[in-house]
Full PDB file with SEQRES, HELIX, SHEET, SSBOND, CRYST1, ORIGX, SCALE, CONECT and MASTER records, all heavy atoms in Angstrom:
SEQRES   1 A   40  LEU LEU ARG GLN MET TYR PRO VAL PRO GLY GLY VAL TYR          
SEQRES   2 A   40  GLY ILE ALA TYR ASP ALA PRO ARG HIS LEU ALA TRP VAL          
SEQRES   3 A   40  THR LEU THR ALA ARG ASN GLU VAL VAL GLY PHE ASP VAL          
SEQRES   4 A   40  ARG                                                          
SHEET    1 AA1 3 VAL A  12  ASP A  18  0                                        
SHEET    2 AA1 3 LEU A  23  LEU A  28 -1                                        
SHEET    3 AA1 3 GLU A  33  ASP A  38 -1                                        
CRYST1    1.000    1.000    1.000  90.00  90.00  90.00 P 1           1          
ORIGX1      1.000000  0.000000  0.000000        0.00000                         
ORIGX2      0.000000  1.000000  0.000000        0.00000                         
ORIGX3      0.000000  0.000000  1.000000        0.00000                         
SCALE1      1.000000  0.000000  0.000000        0.00000                         
SCALE2      0.000000  1.000000  0.000000        0.00000                         
SCALE3      0.000000  0.000000  1.000000        0.00000                         
ATOM      1  N   LEU A   1       0.830  -1.201  -0.053  1.00  0.00           N  
ATOM      2  CA  LEU A   1       0.056  -0.038  -0.014  1.00  0.00           C  
ATOM      3  C   LEU A   1       0.863   1.282   0.025  1.00  0.00           C  
ATOM      4  O   LEU A   1       1.942   1.268   0.536  1.00  0.00           O  
ATOM      5  CB  LEU A   1      -0.883  -0.014   1.190  1.00  0.00           C  
ATOM      6  CG  LEU A   1      -2.028  -0.952   1.395  1.00  0.00           C  
ATOM      7  CD1 LEU A   1      -2.630  -0.888   2.770  1.00  0.00           C  
ATOM      8  CD2 LEU A   1      -3.044  -0.843   0.321  1.00  0.00           C  
ATOM      9  N   LEU A   2       0.351   2.352  -0.629  1.00  0.00           N  
ATOM     10  CA  LEU A   2       0.995   3.608  -0.436  1.00  0.00           C  
ATOM     11  C   LEU A   2       0.511   4.211   0.858  1.00  0.00           C  
ATOM     12  O   LEU A   2      -0.665   4.490   1.076  1.00  0.00           O  
ATOM     13  CB  LEU A   2       0.547   4.529  -1.632  1.00  0.00           C  
ATOM     14  CG  LEU A   2       1.001   6.055  -1.572  1.00  0.00           C  
ATOM     15  CD1 LEU A   2       2.460   6.075  -1.587  1.00  0.00           C  
ATOM     16  CD2 LEU A   2       0.440   6.767  -2.768  1.00  0.00           C  
ATOM     17  N   ARG A   3       1.505   4.335   1.826  1.00  0.00           N  
ATOM     18  CA  ARG A   3       1.201   4.783   3.154  1.00  0.00           C  
ATOM     19  C   ARG A   3       1.346   6.395   3.349  1.00  0.00           C  
ATOM     20  O   ARG A   3       0.625   6.977   4.103  1.00  0.00           O  
ATOM     21  CB  ARG A   3       2.077   4.127   4.109  1.00  0.00           C  
ATOM     22  CG  ARG A   3       1.903   2.637   4.177  1.00  0.00           C  
ATOM     23  CD  ARG A   3       0.571   2.254   4.810  1.00  0.00           C  
ATOM     24  NE  ARG A   3       0.511   0.850   5.070  1.00  0.00           N  
ATOM     25  CZ  ARG A   3      -0.678   0.292   5.680  1.00  0.00           C  
ATOM     26  NH1 ARG A   3      -1.695   1.011   5.987  1.00  0.00           N  
ATOM     27  NH2 ARG A   3      -0.683  -0.982   5.811  1.00  0.00           N  
ATOM     28  N   GLN A   4       2.387   6.914   2.709  1.00  0.00           N  
ATOM     29  CA  GLN A   4       2.571   8.331   2.764  1.00  0.00           C  
ATOM     30  C   GLN A   4       2.977   8.980   1.494  1.00  0.00           C  
ATOM     31  O   GLN A   4       3.547   8.368   0.552  1.00  0.00           O  
ATOM     32  CB  GLN A   4       3.796   8.531   3.754  1.00  0.00           C  
ATOM     33  CG  GLN A   4       3.564   8.011   5.172  1.00  0.00           C  
ATOM     34  CD  GLN A   4       4.837   8.166   6.044  1.00  0.00           C  
ATOM     35  OE1 GLN A   4       5.852   8.830   5.640  1.00  0.00           O  
ATOM     36  NE2 GLN A   4       4.730   7.648   7.241  1.00  0.00           N  
ATOM     37  N   MET A   5       2.551  10.300   1.376  1.00  0.00           N  
ATOM     38  CA  MET A   5       2.904  11.059   0.200  1.00  0.00           C  
ATOM     39  C   MET A   5       3.156  12.520   0.697  1.00  0.00           C  
ATOM     40  O   MET A   5       2.324  13.233   0.927  1.00  0.00           O  
ATOM     41  CB  MET A   5       1.737  11.116  -0.833  1.00  0.00           C  
ATOM     42  CG  MET A   5       2.022  11.840  -2.094  1.00  0.00           C  
ATOM     43  SD  MET A   5       0.901  11.565  -3.436  1.00  0.00           S  
ATOM     44  CE  MET A   5      -0.658  12.048  -2.666  1.00  0.00           C  
ATOM     45  N   TYR A   6       4.480  12.727   0.969  1.00  0.00           N  
ATOM     46  CA  TYR A   6       4.941  14.011   1.698  1.00  0.00           C  
ATOM     47  C   TYR A   6       5.491  14.954   0.648  1.00  0.00           C  
ATOM     48  O   TYR A   6       6.445  14.598  -0.017  1.00  0.00           O  
ATOM     49  CB  TYR A   6       5.912  13.567   2.794  1.00  0.00           C  
ATOM     50  CG  TYR A   6       6.279  14.776   3.627  1.00  0.00           C  
ATOM     51  CD1 TYR A   6       5.507  15.181   4.643  1.00  0.00           C  
ATOM     52  CD2 TYR A   6       7.522  15.463   3.452  1.00  0.00           C  
ATOM     53  CE1 TYR A   6       5.830  16.172   5.521  1.00  0.00           C  
ATOM     54  CE2 TYR A   6       7.803  16.524   4.249  1.00  0.00           C  
ATOM     55  CZ  TYR A   6       7.027  16.898   5.286  1.00  0.00           C  
ATOM     56  OH  TYR A   6       7.325  17.945   6.102  1.00  0.00           O  
ATOM     57  N   PRO A   7       4.961  16.139   0.565  1.00  0.00           N  
ATOM     58  CA  PRO A   7       5.501  17.167  -0.304  1.00  0.00           C  
ATOM     59  C   PRO A   7       6.982  17.485   0.015  1.00  0.00           C  
ATOM     60  O   PRO A   7       7.305  17.855   1.110  1.00  0.00           O  
ATOM     61  CB  PRO A   7       4.504  18.421  -0.046  1.00  0.00           C  
ATOM     62  CG  PRO A   7       3.368  17.844   0.679  1.00  0.00           C  
ATOM     63  CD  PRO A   7       3.811  16.663   1.469  1.00  0.00           C  
ATOM     64  N   VAL A   8       7.772  17.482  -1.056  1.00  0.00           N  
ATOM     65  CA  VAL A   8       9.178  17.904  -0.997  1.00  0.00           C  
ATOM     66  C   VAL A   8       9.469  18.711  -2.236  1.00  0.00           C  
ATOM     67  O   VAL A   8       9.951  18.200  -3.267  1.00  0.00           O  
ATOM     68  CB  VAL A   8      10.124  16.713  -0.851  1.00  0.00           C  
ATOM     69  CG1 VAL A   8      11.584  17.180  -0.579  1.00  0.00           C  
ATOM     70  CG2 VAL A   8       9.740  15.804   0.293  1.00  0.00           C  
ATOM     71  N   PRO A   9       9.217  19.990  -2.219  1.00  0.00           N  
ATOM     72  CA  PRO A   9       9.404  20.836  -3.414  1.00  0.00           C  
ATOM     73  C   PRO A   9      10.965  20.969  -3.606  1.00  0.00           C  
ATOM     74  O   PRO A   9      11.770  20.925  -2.692  1.00  0.00           O  
ATOM     75  CB  PRO A   9       8.782  22.122  -3.096  1.00  0.00           C  
ATOM     76  CG  PRO A   9       8.709  22.160  -1.563  1.00  0.00           C  
ATOM     77  CD  PRO A   9       8.655  20.716  -1.104  1.00  0.00           C  
ATOM     78  N   GLY A  10      11.366  21.384  -4.815  1.00  0.00           N  
ATOM     79  CA  GLY A  10      12.687  21.625  -5.103  1.00  0.00           C  
ATOM     80  C   GLY A  10      13.444  20.663  -6.013  1.00  0.00           C  
ATOM     81  O   GLY A  10      14.677  20.608  -6.109  1.00  0.00           O  
ATOM     82  N   GLY A  11      12.689  19.814  -6.704  1.00  0.00           N  
ATOM     83  CA  GLY A  11      13.322  18.815  -7.589  1.00  0.00           C  
ATOM     84  C   GLY A  11      13.887  17.647  -6.892  1.00  0.00           C  
ATOM     85  O   GLY A  11      15.086  17.234  -7.162  1.00  0.00           O  
ATOM     86  N   VAL A  12      13.121  17.017  -5.975  1.00  0.00           N  
ATOM     87  CA  VAL A  12      13.621  15.824  -5.316  1.00  0.00           C  
ATOM     88  C   VAL A  12      13.989  14.759  -6.218  1.00  0.00           C  
ATOM     89  O   VAL A  12      13.245  14.458  -7.210  1.00  0.00           O  
ATOM     90  CB  VAL A  12      12.530  15.362  -4.317  1.00  0.00           C  
ATOM     91  CG1 VAL A  12      11.212  14.957  -4.956  1.00  0.00           C  
ATOM     92  CG2 VAL A  12      13.062  14.248  -3.318  1.00  0.00           C  
ATOM     93  N   TYR A  13      15.151  14.099  -6.042  1.00  0.00           N  
ATOM     94  CA  TYR A  13      15.730  13.163  -6.937  1.00  0.00           C  
ATOM     95  C   TYR A  13      16.420  11.994  -6.283  1.00  0.00           C  
ATOM     96  O   TYR A  13      15.893  10.922  -6.101  1.00  0.00           O  
ATOM     97  CB  TYR A  13      16.604  13.809  -7.983  1.00  0.00           C  
ATOM     98  CG  TYR A  13      17.001  12.931  -9.115  1.00  0.00           C  
ATOM     99  CD1 TYR A  13      16.063  12.417 -10.036  1.00  0.00           C  
ATOM    100  CD2 TYR A  13      18.343  12.428  -9.138  1.00  0.00           C  
ATOM    101  CE1 TYR A  13      16.485  11.607 -11.059  1.00  0.00           C  
ATOM    102  CE2 TYR A  13      18.742  11.618 -10.186  1.00  0.00           C  
ATOM    103  CZ  TYR A  13      17.794  11.202 -11.079  1.00  0.00           C  
ATOM    104  OH  TYR A  13      18.174  10.312 -12.040  1.00  0.00           O  
ATOM    105  N   GLY A  14      17.656  12.159  -5.818  1.00  0.00           N  
ATOM    106  CA  GLY A  14      18.491  11.193  -5.139  1.00  0.00           C  
ATOM    107  C   GLY A  14      17.951  10.847  -3.879  1.00  0.00           C  
ATOM    108  O   GLY A  14      17.306  11.622  -3.108  1.00  0.00           O  
ATOM    109  N   ILE A  15      18.190   9.509  -3.362  1.00  0.00           N  
ATOM    110  CA  ILE A  15      17.733   9.109  -2.096  1.00  0.00           C  
ATOM    111  C   ILE A  15      18.650   8.118  -1.498  1.00  0.00           C  
ATOM    112  O   ILE A  15      19.231   7.247  -2.193  1.00  0.00           O  
ATOM    113  CB  ILE A  15      16.284   8.581  -2.130  1.00  0.00           C  
ATOM    114  CG1 ILE A  15      15.750   8.316  -0.787  1.00  0.00           C  
ATOM    115  CG2 ILE A  15      16.097   7.398  -3.030  1.00  0.00           C  
ATOM    116  CD1 ILE A  15      14.251   8.121  -0.689  1.00  0.00           C  
ATOM    117  N   ALA A  16      18.838   8.198  -0.144  1.00  0.00           N  
ATOM    118  CA  ALA A  16      19.626   7.212   0.551  1.00  0.00           C  
ATOM    119  C   ALA A  16      18.992   7.051   1.976  1.00  0.00           C  
ATOM    120  O   ALA A  16      18.302   7.983   2.401  1.00  0.00           O  
ATOM    121  CB  ALA A  16      21.131   7.615   0.677  1.00  0.00           C  
ATOM    122  N   TYR A  17      19.286   5.874   2.597  1.00  0.00           N  
ATOM    123  CA  TYR A  17      18.693   5.656   3.866  1.00  0.00           C  
ATOM    124  C   TYR A  17      19.709   5.324   4.914  1.00  0.00           C  
ATOM    125  O   TYR A  17      20.571   4.432   4.688  1.00  0.00           O  
ATOM    126  CB  TYR A  17      17.701   4.489   3.752  1.00  0.00           C  
ATOM    127  CG  TYR A  17      16.930   4.225   5.078  1.00  0.00           C  
ATOM    128  CD1 TYR A  17      16.043   5.195   5.660  1.00  0.00           C  
ATOM    129  CD2 TYR A  17      17.136   3.124   5.744  1.00  0.00           C  
ATOM    130  CE1 TYR A  17      15.419   4.973   6.897  1.00  0.00           C  
ATOM    131  CE2 TYR A  17      16.456   2.796   6.987  1.00  0.00           C  
ATOM    132  CZ  TYR A  17      15.651   3.714   7.488  1.00  0.00           C  
ATOM    133  OH  TYR A  17      14.980   3.527   8.718  1.00  0.00           O  
ATOM    134  N   ASP A  18      19.624   5.949   6.061  1.00  0.00           N  
ATOM    135  CA  ASP A  18      20.548   5.758   7.203  1.00  0.00           C  
ATOM    136  C   ASP A  18      19.738   4.917   8.275  1.00  0.00           C  
ATOM    137  O   ASP A  18      18.994   5.568   8.993  1.00  0.00           O  
ATOM    138  CB  ASP A  18      21.020   7.109   7.815  1.00  0.00           C  
ATOM    139  CG  ASP A  18      22.029   6.998   8.957  1.00  0.00           C  
ATOM    140  OD1 ASP A  18      22.131   5.814   9.500  1.00  0.00           O  
ATOM    141  OD2 ASP A  18      22.562   7.988   9.444  1.00  0.00           O  
ATOM    142  N   ALA A  19      19.871   3.695   8.255  1.00  0.00           N  
ATOM    143  CA  ALA A  19      19.030   2.842   9.124  1.00  0.00           C  
ATOM    144  C   ALA A  19      19.256   3.075  10.655  1.00  0.00           C  
ATOM    145  O   ALA A  19      18.315   3.180  11.329  1.00  0.00           O  
ATOM    146  CB  ALA A  19      19.288   1.279   8.827  1.00  0.00           C  
ATOM    147  N   PRO A  20      20.496   3.189  11.153  1.00  0.00           N  
ATOM    148  CA  PRO A  20      20.723   3.405  12.575  1.00  0.00           C  
ATOM    149  C   PRO A  20      19.960   4.673  13.110  1.00  0.00           C  
ATOM    150  O   PRO A  20      19.509   4.810  14.303  1.00  0.00           O  
ATOM    151  CB  PRO A  20      22.131   3.483  12.780  1.00  0.00           C  
ATOM    152  CG  PRO A  20      22.701   2.707  11.685  1.00  0.00           C  
ATOM    153  CD  PRO A  20      21.775   2.968  10.486  1.00  0.00           C  
ATOM    154  N   ARG A  21      19.908   5.731  12.233  1.00  0.00           N  
ATOM    155  CA  ARG A  21      19.341   7.014  12.669  1.00  0.00           C  
ATOM    156  C   ARG A  21      17.936   7.222  12.008  1.00  0.00           C  
ATOM    157  O   ARG A  21      17.328   8.279  12.256  1.00  0.00           O  
ATOM    158  CB  ARG A  21      20.273   8.135  12.227  1.00  0.00           C  
ATOM    159  CG  ARG A  21      21.608   8.021  12.951  1.00  0.00           C  
ATOM    160  CD  ARG A  21      22.717   8.826  12.232  1.00  0.00           C  
ATOM    161  NE  ARG A  21      23.943   8.528  12.833  1.00  0.00           N  
ATOM    162  CZ  ARG A  21      24.719   7.403  12.574  1.00  0.00           C  
ATOM    163  NH1 ARG A  21      24.229   6.593  11.679  1.00  0.00           N  
ATOM    164  NH2 ARG A  21      25.845   7.224  13.232  1.00  0.00           N  
ATOM    165  N   HIS A  22      17.329   6.271  11.286  1.00  0.00           N  
ATOM    166  CA  HIS A  22      16.044   6.360  10.679  1.00  0.00           C  
ATOM    167  C   HIS A  22      15.904   7.554   9.827  1.00  0.00           C  
ATOM    168  O   HIS A  22      14.839   8.176   9.749  1.00  0.00           O  
ATOM    169  CB  HIS A  22      15.035   6.336  11.743  1.00  0.00           C  
ATOM    170  CG  HIS A  22      15.251   5.313  12.804  1.00  0.00           C  
ATOM    171  ND1 HIS A  22      15.042   3.994  12.682  1.00  0.00           N  
ATOM    172  CD2 HIS A  22      15.671   5.452  14.129  1.00  0.00           C  
ATOM    173  CE1 HIS A  22      15.317   3.297  13.781  1.00  0.00           C  
ATOM    174  NE2 HIS A  22      15.742   4.191  14.653  1.00  0.00           N  
ATOM    175  N   LEU A  23      16.941   7.963   9.133  1.00  0.00           N  
ATOM    176  CA  LEU A  23      16.922   9.201   8.265  1.00  0.00           C  
ATOM    177  C   LEU A  23      16.859   8.773   6.797  1.00  0.00           C  
ATOM    178  O   LEU A  23      17.781   7.995   6.291  1.00  0.00           O  
ATOM    179  CB  LEU A  23      18.148  10.057   8.537  1.00  0.00           C  
ATOM    180  CG  LEU A  23      18.219  10.688   9.920  1.00  0.00           C  
ATOM    181  CD1 LEU A  23      19.573  11.350  10.084  1.00  0.00           C  
ATOM    182  CD2 LEU A  23      17.098  11.653  10.148  1.00  0.00           C  
ATOM    183  N   ALA A  24      16.049   9.412   6.049  1.00  0.00           N  
ATOM    184  CA  ALA A  24      16.075   9.322   4.590  1.00  0.00           C  
ATOM    185  C   ALA A  24      16.658  10.626   4.065  1.00  0.00           C  
ATOM    186  O   ALA A  24      16.110  11.747   4.381  1.00  0.00           O  
ATOM    187  CB  ALA A  24      14.638   9.147   4.074  1.00  0.00           C  
ATOM    188  N   TRP A  25      17.730  10.514   3.350  1.00  0.00           N  
ATOM    189  CA  TRP A  25      18.340  11.749   2.790  1.00  0.00           C  
ATOM    190  C   TRP A  25      17.998  11.811   1.297  1.00  0.00           C  
ATOM    191  O   TRP A  25      18.074  10.861   0.559  1.00  0.00           O  
ATOM    192  CB  TRP A  25      19.891  11.541   2.839  1.00  0.00           C  
ATOM    193  CG  TRP A  25      20.444  11.714   4.305  1.00  0.00           C  
ATOM    194  CD1 TRP A  25      20.659  10.727   5.183  1.00  0.00           C  
ATOM    195  CD2 TRP A  25      20.734  12.956   4.906  1.00  0.00           C  
ATOM    196  NE1 TRP A  25      21.116  11.274   6.368  1.00  0.00           N  
ATOM    197  CE2 TRP A  25      21.136  12.619   6.232  1.00  0.00           C  
ATOM    198  CE3 TRP A  25      20.731  14.233   4.524  1.00  0.00           C  
ATOM    199  CZ2 TRP A  25      21.554  13.617   7.125  1.00  0.00           C  
ATOM    200  CZ3 TRP A  25      21.107  15.249   5.378  1.00  0.00           C  
ATOM    201  CH2 TRP A  25      21.488  14.908   6.674  1.00  0.00           C  
ATOM    202  N   VAL A  26      17.507  12.901   0.928  1.00  0.00           N  
ATOM    203  CA  VAL A  26      17.068  13.187  -0.386  1.00  0.00           C  
ATOM    204  C   VAL A  26      17.826  14.438  -0.990  1.00  0.00           C  
ATOM    205  O   VAL A  26      18.138  15.314  -0.249  1.00  0.00           O  
ATOM    206  CB  VAL A  26      15.557  13.405  -0.621  1.00  0.00           C  
ATOM    207  CG1 VAL A  26      14.838  12.099  -0.093  1.00  0.00           C  
ATOM    208  CG2 VAL A  26      15.048  14.582   0.121  1.00  0.00           C  
ATOM    209  N   THR A  27      18.111  14.430  -2.307  1.00  0.00           N  
ATOM    210  CA  THR A  27      18.700  15.601  -2.924  1.00  0.00           C  
ATOM    211  C   THR A  27      17.644  16.400  -3.633  1.00  0.00           C  
ATOM    212  O   THR A  27      16.720  15.892  -4.239  1.00  0.00           O  
ATOM    213  CB  THR A  27      19.771  15.301  -3.866  1.00  0.00           C  
ATOM    214  OG1 THR A  27      19.243  14.521  -4.988  1.00  0.00           O  
ATOM    215  CG2 THR A  27      20.863  14.411  -3.196  1.00  0.00           C  
ATOM    216  N   LEU A  28      17.781  17.710  -3.665  1.00  0.00           N  
ATOM    217  CA  LEU A  28      16.901  18.684  -4.331  1.00  0.00           C  
ATOM    218  C   LEU A  28      17.715  19.395  -5.381  1.00  0.00           C  
ATOM    219  O   LEU A  28      18.420  20.362  -5.101  1.00  0.00           O  
ATOM    220  CB  LEU A  28      16.281  19.700  -3.372  1.00  0.00           C  
ATOM    221  CG  LEU A  28      15.606  19.186  -2.129  1.00  0.00           C  
ATOM    222  CD1 LEU A  28      15.011  20.281  -1.255  1.00  0.00           C  
ATOM    223  CD2 LEU A  28      14.526  18.127  -2.502  1.00  0.00           C  
ATOM    224  N   THR A  29      17.621  18.954  -6.650  1.00  0.00           N  
ATOM    225  CA  THR A  29      18.553  19.435  -7.723  1.00  0.00           C  
ATOM    226  C   THR A  29      18.147  20.877  -8.115  1.00  0.00           C  
ATOM    227  O   THR A  29      19.012  21.512  -8.667  1.00  0.00           O  
ATOM    228  CB  THR A  29      18.562  18.466  -8.898  1.00  0.00           C  
ATOM    229  OG1 THR A  29      17.206  18.423  -9.481  1.00  0.00           O  
ATOM    230  CG2 THR A  29      19.025  17.037  -8.506  1.00  0.00           C  
ATOM    231  N   ALA A  30      16.796  21.257  -8.061  1.00  0.00           N  
ATOM    232  CA  ALA A  30      16.430  22.540  -8.437  1.00  0.00           C  
ATOM    233  C   ALA A  30      16.860  23.671  -7.360  1.00  0.00           C  
ATOM    234  O   ALA A  30      16.985  24.817  -7.757  1.00  0.00           O  
ATOM    235  CB  ALA A  30      14.944  22.578  -8.571  1.00  0.00           C  
ATOM    236  N   ARG A  31      17.322  23.185  -6.226  1.00  0.00           N  
ATOM    237  CA  ARG A  31      17.790  24.039  -5.146  1.00  0.00           C  
ATOM    238  C   ARG A  31      19.218  23.826  -4.727  1.00  0.00           C  
ATOM    239  O   ARG A  31      19.736  24.494  -3.958  1.00  0.00           O  
ATOM    240  CB  ARG A  31      16.868  24.006  -3.891  1.00  0.00           C  
ATOM    241  CG  ARG A  31      15.476  24.369  -4.231  1.00  0.00           C  
ATOM    242  CD  ARG A  31      14.597  24.283  -2.893  1.00  0.00           C  
ATOM    243  NE  ARG A  31      13.191  24.686  -3.160  1.00  0.00           N  
ATOM    244  CZ  ARG A  31      12.340  24.759  -2.200  1.00  0.00           C  
ATOM    245  NH1 ARG A  31      12.625  24.398  -0.970  1.00  0.00           N  
ATOM    246  NH2 ARG A  31      11.055  25.138  -2.442  1.00  0.00           N  
ATOM    247  N   ASN A  32      19.861  22.726  -5.362  1.00  0.00           N  
ATOM    248  CA  ASN A  32      21.207  22.461  -4.876  1.00  0.00           C  
ATOM    249  C   ASN A  32      21.227  22.196  -3.309  1.00  0.00           C  
ATOM    250  O   ASN A  32      22.042  22.837  -2.653  1.00  0.00           O  
ATOM    251  CB  ASN A  32      22.154  23.426  -5.320  1.00  0.00           C  
ATOM    252  CG  ASN A  32      22.393  23.517  -6.826  1.00  0.00           C  
ATOM    253  OD1 ASN A  32      22.446  22.471  -7.449  1.00  0.00           O  
ATOM    254  ND2 ASN A  32      22.439  24.685  -7.372  1.00  0.00           N  
ATOM    255  N   GLU A  33      20.378  21.398  -2.821  1.00  0.00           N  
ATOM    256  CA  GLU A  33      20.331  21.090  -1.492  1.00  0.00           C  
ATOM    257  C   GLU A  33      20.219  19.606  -1.186  1.00  0.00           C  
ATOM    258  O   GLU A  33      19.776  18.787  -2.055  1.00  0.00           O  
ATOM    259  CB  GLU A  33      19.128  21.717  -0.811  1.00  0.00           C  
ATOM    260  CG  GLU A  33      19.087  23.280  -0.777  1.00  0.00           C  
ATOM    261  CD  GLU A  33      17.939  23.895  -0.142  1.00  0.00           C  
ATOM    262  OE1 GLU A  33      16.887  23.223  -0.182  1.00  0.00           O  
ATOM    263  OE2 GLU A  33      17.993  24.984   0.331  1.00  0.00           O  
ATOM    264  N   VAL A  34      20.605  19.213  -0.013  1.00  0.00           N  
ATOM    265  CA  VAL A  34      20.309  17.821   0.457  1.00  0.00           C  
ATOM    266  C   VAL A  34      19.608  17.883   1.858  1.00  0.00           C  
ATOM    267  O   VAL A  34      19.947  18.743   2.596  1.00  0.00           O  
ATOM    268  CB  VAL A  34      21.681  17.010   0.578  1.00  0.00           C  
ATOM    269  CG1 VAL A  34      22.598  17.736   1.567  1.00  0.00           C  
ATOM    270  CG2 VAL A  34      21.456  15.603   0.947  1.00  0.00           C  
ATOM    271  N   VAL A  35      18.625  17.082   2.010  1.00  0.00           N  
ATOM    272  CA  VAL A  35      17.726  17.172   3.178  1.00  0.00           C  
ATOM    273  C   VAL A  35      17.586  15.858   3.812  1.00  0.00           C  
ATOM    274  O   VAL A  35      17.470  14.729   3.170  1.00  0.00           O  
ATOM    275  CB  VAL A  35      16.360  17.664   2.806  1.00  0.00           C  
ATOM    276  CG1 VAL A  35      15.475  17.909   4.054  1.00  0.00           C  
ATOM    277  CG2 VAL A  35      16.458  18.990   1.998  1.00  0.00           C  
ATOM    278  N   GLY A  36      17.620  15.811   5.214  1.00  0.00           N  
ATOM    279  CA  GLY A  36      17.467  14.532   5.923  1.00  0.00           C  
ATOM    280  C   GLY A  36      16.126  14.640   6.689  1.00  0.00           C  
ATOM    281  O   GLY A  36      15.871  15.565   7.413  1.00  0.00           O  
ATOM    282  N   PHE A  37      15.389  13.524   6.376  1.00  0.00           N  
ATOM    283  CA  PHE A  37      14.017  13.367   7.090  1.00  0.00           C  
ATOM    284  C   PHE A  37      14.007  12.196   8.008  1.00  0.00           C  
ATOM    285  O   PHE A  37      14.508  11.077   7.648  1.00  0.00           O  
ATOM    286  CB  PHE A  37      12.958  13.210   6.020  1.00  0.00           C  
ATOM    287  CG  PHE A  37      12.663  14.388   5.173  1.00  0.00           C  
ATOM    288  CD1 PHE A  37      13.153  14.405   3.891  1.00  0.00           C  
ATOM    289  CD2 PHE A  37      11.863  15.370   5.636  1.00  0.00           C  
ATOM    290  CE1 PHE A  37      12.855  15.514   3.128  1.00  0.00           C  
ATOM    291  CE2 PHE A  37      11.563  16.468   4.839  1.00  0.00           C  
ATOM    292  CZ  PHE A  37      12.068  16.536   3.578  1.00  0.00           C  
ATOM    293  N   ASP A  38      13.550  12.405   9.234  1.00  0.00           N  
ATOM    294  CA  ASP A  38      13.283  11.279  10.106  1.00  0.00           C  
ATOM    295  C   ASP A  38      12.005  10.625   9.692  1.00  0.00           C  
ATOM    296  O   ASP A  38      10.932  11.312   9.581  1.00  0.00           O  
ATOM    297  CB  ASP A  38      13.177  11.755  11.604  1.00  0.00           C  
ATOM    298  CG  ASP A  38      13.017  10.677  12.586  1.00  0.00           C  
ATOM    299  OD1 ASP A  38      12.472   9.597  12.314  1.00  0.00           O  
ATOM    300  OD2 ASP A  38      13.641  10.836  13.726  1.00  0.00           O  
ATOM    301  N   VAL A  39      12.021   9.367   9.345  1.00  0.00           N  
ATOM    302  CA  VAL A  39      10.912   8.730   8.770  1.00  0.00           C  
ATOM    303  C   VAL A  39      10.284   7.645   9.733  1.00  0.00           C  
ATOM    304  O   VAL A  39       9.529   6.814   9.259  1.00  0.00           O  
ATOM    305  CB  VAL A  39      11.241   7.968   7.394  1.00  0.00           C  
ATOM    306  CG1 VAL A  39      11.638   9.045   6.382  1.00  0.00           C  
ATOM    307  CG2 VAL A  39      12.297   6.961   7.559  1.00  0.00           C  
ATOM    308  N   ARG A  40      10.505   7.793  11.051  1.00  0.00           N  
ATOM    309  CA  ARG A  40       9.948   6.817  11.907  1.00  0.00           C  
ATOM    310  C   ARG A  40       8.445   7.057  12.242  1.00  0.00           C  
ATOM    311  O   ARG A  40       7.765   6.057  12.541  1.00  0.00           O  
ATOM    312  CB  ARG A  40      10.619   6.918  13.332  1.00  0.00           C  
ATOM    313  CG  ARG A  40      11.970   6.284  13.290  1.00  0.00           C  
ATOM    314  CD  ARG A  40      12.734   6.608  14.638  1.00  0.00           C  
ATOM    315  NE  ARG A  40      13.104   7.987  14.844  1.00  0.00           N  
ATOM    316  CZ  ARG A  40      13.866   8.362  15.901  1.00  0.00           C  
ATOM    317  NH1 ARG A  40      14.197   7.592  16.783  1.00  0.00           N  
ATOM    318  NH2 ARG A  40      14.172   9.671  15.989  1.00  0.00           N  
TER     319      ARG A  40                                                      
MASTER        0    0    0    0    3    0    0    6  318    1    0    4          
END                                                                             
């Protein structure tokens, strides 16, 4: 099932996951940024 659909403006593209810290890291290419989200 699709459980979540969270808005992330700015050209979200790359993604990686840090399991010990429960963080999803995504890149925003339209803003030249990288953002870490707690996904617990």
